[in-house]
Amino acid sequence: MRRFIAVLAVASALAFAVATVPGCADDVKKVKKVETHQESQPQMVSPGETIVE
């Protein structure tokens, strides 16, 4: 049981070391897309007047 825990600890330390090698994270680029919509303010019209939008 102790040997299994020791092997597991060494394997996780090795995996962590390999994951943090410089250059691995440099290839990842994050893109954030922001969309804005502008609407005009409501305008009052007379009854029966044609509304064109």
N, C-alpha and C. Protein backbone atom coordinates (compact mmCIF):
# COMPACT_ATOMS: atom_id res chain seq x y z
N MET A 1 0.82 -1.20 0.00
CA MET A 1 0.00 0.00 0.00
C MET A 1 0.87 1.26 0.00
N ARG A 2 1.92 1.26 0.81
CA ARG A 2 2.81 2.42 0.86
C ARG A 2 3.50 2.62 -0.49
N ARG A 3 3.86 1.52 -1.13
CA ARG A 3 4.52 1.61 -2.43
C ARG A 3 3.58 2.22 -3.45
N PHE A 4 2.30 1.85 -3.43
CA PHE A 4 1.30 2.40 -4.36
C PHE A 4 1.16 3.90 -4.16
N ILE A 5 1.10 4.35 -2.91
CA ILE A 5 0.98 5.77 -2.62
C ILE A 5 2.23 6.52 -3.08
N ALA A 6 3.40 5.93 -2.87
CA ALA A 6 4.64 6.56 -3.29
C ALA A 6 4.69 6.68 -4.81
N VAL A 7 4.30 5.63 -5.52
CA VAL A 7 4.28 5.67 -6.99
C VAL A 7 3.26 6.70 -7.47
N LEU A 8 2.12 6.76 -6.84
CA LEU A 8 1.09 7.73 -7.20
C LEU A 8 1.59 9.16 -6.97
N ALA A 9 2.29 9.39 -5.88
CA ALA A 9 2.82 10.72 -5.60
C ALA A 9 3.88 11.12 -6.62
N VAL A 10 4.75 10.20 -6.98
CA VAL A 10 5.79 10.49 -7.97
C VAL A 10 5.16 10.74 -9.33
N ALA A 11 4.16 9.94 -9.70
CA ALA A 11 3.50 10.11 -10.99
C ALA A 11 2.77 11.45 -11.06
N SER A 12 2.11 11.85 -9.98
CA SER A 12 1.40 13.13 -10.00
C SER A 12 2.39 14.29 -10.03
N ALA A 13 3.53 14.17 -9.33
CA ALA A 13 4.54 15.22 -9.37
C ALA A 13 5.13 15.34 -10.77
N LEU A 14 5.37 14.22 -11.43
CA LEU A 14 5.90 14.22 -12.80
C LEU A 14 4.89 14.83 -13.76
N ALA A 15 3.62 14.48 -13.61
CA ALA A 15 2.57 15.04 -14.47
C ALA A 15 2.46 16.55 -14.27
N PHE A 16 2.58 17.01 -13.05
CA PHE A 16 2.53 18.45 -12.77
C PHE A 16 3.72 19.16 -13.39
N ALA A 17 4.90 18.55 -13.30
CA ALA A 17 6.11 19.15 -13.87
C ALA A 17 6.00 19.24 -15.39
N VAL A 18 5.48 18.21 -16.02
CA VAL A 18 5.33 18.22 -17.47
C VAL A 18 4.29 19.25 -17.90
N ALA A 19 3.22 19.40 -17.13
CA ALA A 19 2.15 20.35 -17.48
C ALA A 19 2.60 21.80 -17.35
N THR A 20 3.58 22.05 -16.50
CA THR A 20 4.02 23.42 -16.29
C THR A 20 5.26 23.79 -17.09
N VAL A 21 5.64 22.93 -18.02
CA VAL A 21 6.80 23.23 -18.87
C VAL A 21 6.52 24.51 -19.65
N PRO A 22 7.43 25.45 -19.66
CA PRO A 22 7.21 26.71 -20.40
C PRO A 22 6.93 26.43 -21.87
N GLY A 23 5.96 27.14 -22.39
CA GLY A 23 5.61 26.97 -23.79
C GLY A 23 4.29 26.25 -24.00
N CYS A 24 3.87 25.45 -23.03
CA CYS A 24 2.60 24.74 -23.19
C CYS A 24 1.43 25.71 -23.16
N ALA A 25 1.46 26.63 -22.22
CA ALA A 25 0.35 27.55 -22.06
C ALA A 25 0.42 28.71 -23.04
N ASP A 26 1.55 28.91 -23.71
CA ASP A 26 1.69 30.03 -24.63
C ASP A 26 0.82 29.87 -25.88
N ASP A 27 0.49 28.64 -26.23
CA ASP A 27 -0.29 28.39 -27.44
C ASP A 27 -1.77 28.65 -27.25
N VAL A 28 -2.21 28.77 -26.02
CA VAL A 28 -3.63 28.94 -25.74
C VAL A 28 -3.96 30.43 -25.79
N LYS A 29 -4.94 30.77 -26.61
CA LYS A 29 -5.36 32.17 -26.72
C LYS A 29 -6.84 32.25 -26.39
N LYS A 30 -7.19 33.23 -25.58
CA LYS A 30 -8.58 33.41 -25.22
C LYS A 30 -9.14 34.59 -25.99
N VAL A 31 -10.34 34.41 -26.52
CA VAL A 31 -11.00 35.47 -27.28
C VAL A 31 -12.32 35.77 -26.59
N LYS A 32 -12.55 37.04 -26.35
CA LYS A 32 -13.79 37.45 -25.72
C LYS A 32 -14.55 38.32 -26.70
N LYS A 33 -15.77 37.94 -27.01
CA LYS A 33 -16.57 38.67 -27.98
C LYS A 33 -17.66 39.46 -27.25
N VAL A 34 -17.70 40.74 -27.50
CA VAL A 34 -18.68 41.60 -26.85
C VAL A 34 -19.52 42.25 -27.93
N GLU A 35 -20.82 42.09 -27.82
CA GLU A 35 -21.73 42.71 -28.79
C GLU A 35 -22.58 43.75 -28.07
N THR A 36 -22.73 44.90 -28.71
CA THR A 36 -23.58 45.94 -28.14
C THR A 36 -24.65 46.31 -29.17
N HIS A 37 -25.83 46.53 -28.67
CA HIS A 37 -26.95 46.92 -29.52
C HIS A 37 -27.47 48.26 -29.02
N GLN A 38 -27.61 49.20 -29.93
CA GLN A 38 -28.13 50.50 -29.55
C GLN A 38 -29.51 50.67 -30.16
N GLU A 39 -30.43 51.07 -29.34
CA GLU A 39 -31.80 51.30 -29.79
C GLU A 39 -32.16 52.75 -29.55
N SER A 40 -32.97 53.29 -30.44
CA SER A 40 -33.39 54.67 -30.27
C SER A 40 -34.46 54.75 -29.18
N GLN A 41 -34.61 55.93 -28.65
CA GLN A 41 -35.61 56.14 -27.61
C GLN A 41 -37.00 56.10 -28.24
N PRO A 42 -38.01 55.63 -27.50
CA PRO A 42 -39.37 55.61 -28.03
C PRO A 42 -39.86 57.04 -28.32
N GLN A 43 -40.57 57.17 -29.41
CA GLN A 43 -41.09 58.49 -29.78
C GLN A 43 -42.61 58.41 -29.85
N MET A 44 -43.24 59.44 -29.35
CA MET A 44 -44.70 59.48 -29.39
C MET A 44 -45.15 59.92 -30.78
N VAL A 45 -46.21 59.30 -31.27
CA VAL A 45 -46.77 59.66 -32.57
C VAL A 45 -48.26 59.91 -32.43
N SER A 46 -48.81 60.62 -33.37
CA SER A 46 -50.25 60.89 -33.34
C SER A 46 -51.00 59.62 -33.74
N PRO A 47 -52.25 59.47 -33.24
CA PRO A 47 -53.04 58.30 -33.63
C PRO A 47 -53.29 58.29 -35.14
N GLY A 48 -53.13 57.14 -35.76
CA GLY A 48 -53.37 57.01 -37.18
C GLY A 48 -52.15 57.32 -38.03
N GLU A 49 -51.08 57.79 -37.43
CA GLU A 49 -49.88 58.13 -38.19
C GLU A 49 -49.12 56.86 -38.51
N THR A 50 -48.59 56.76 -39.71
CA THR A 50 -47.83 55.57 -40.10
C THR A 50 -46.48 55.59 -39.41
N ILE A 51 -46.11 54.43 -38.84
CA ILE A 51 -44.83 54.32 -38.12
C ILE A 51 -43.86 53.55 -39.02
N VAL A 52 -42.76 54.15 -39.35
CA VAL A 52 -41.74 53.51 -40.16
C VAL A 52 -40.51 53.30 -39.28
N GLU A 53 -40.06 52.04 -39.19
CA GLU A 53 -38.86 51.75 -38.36
C GLU A 53 -37.72 51.37 -39.25
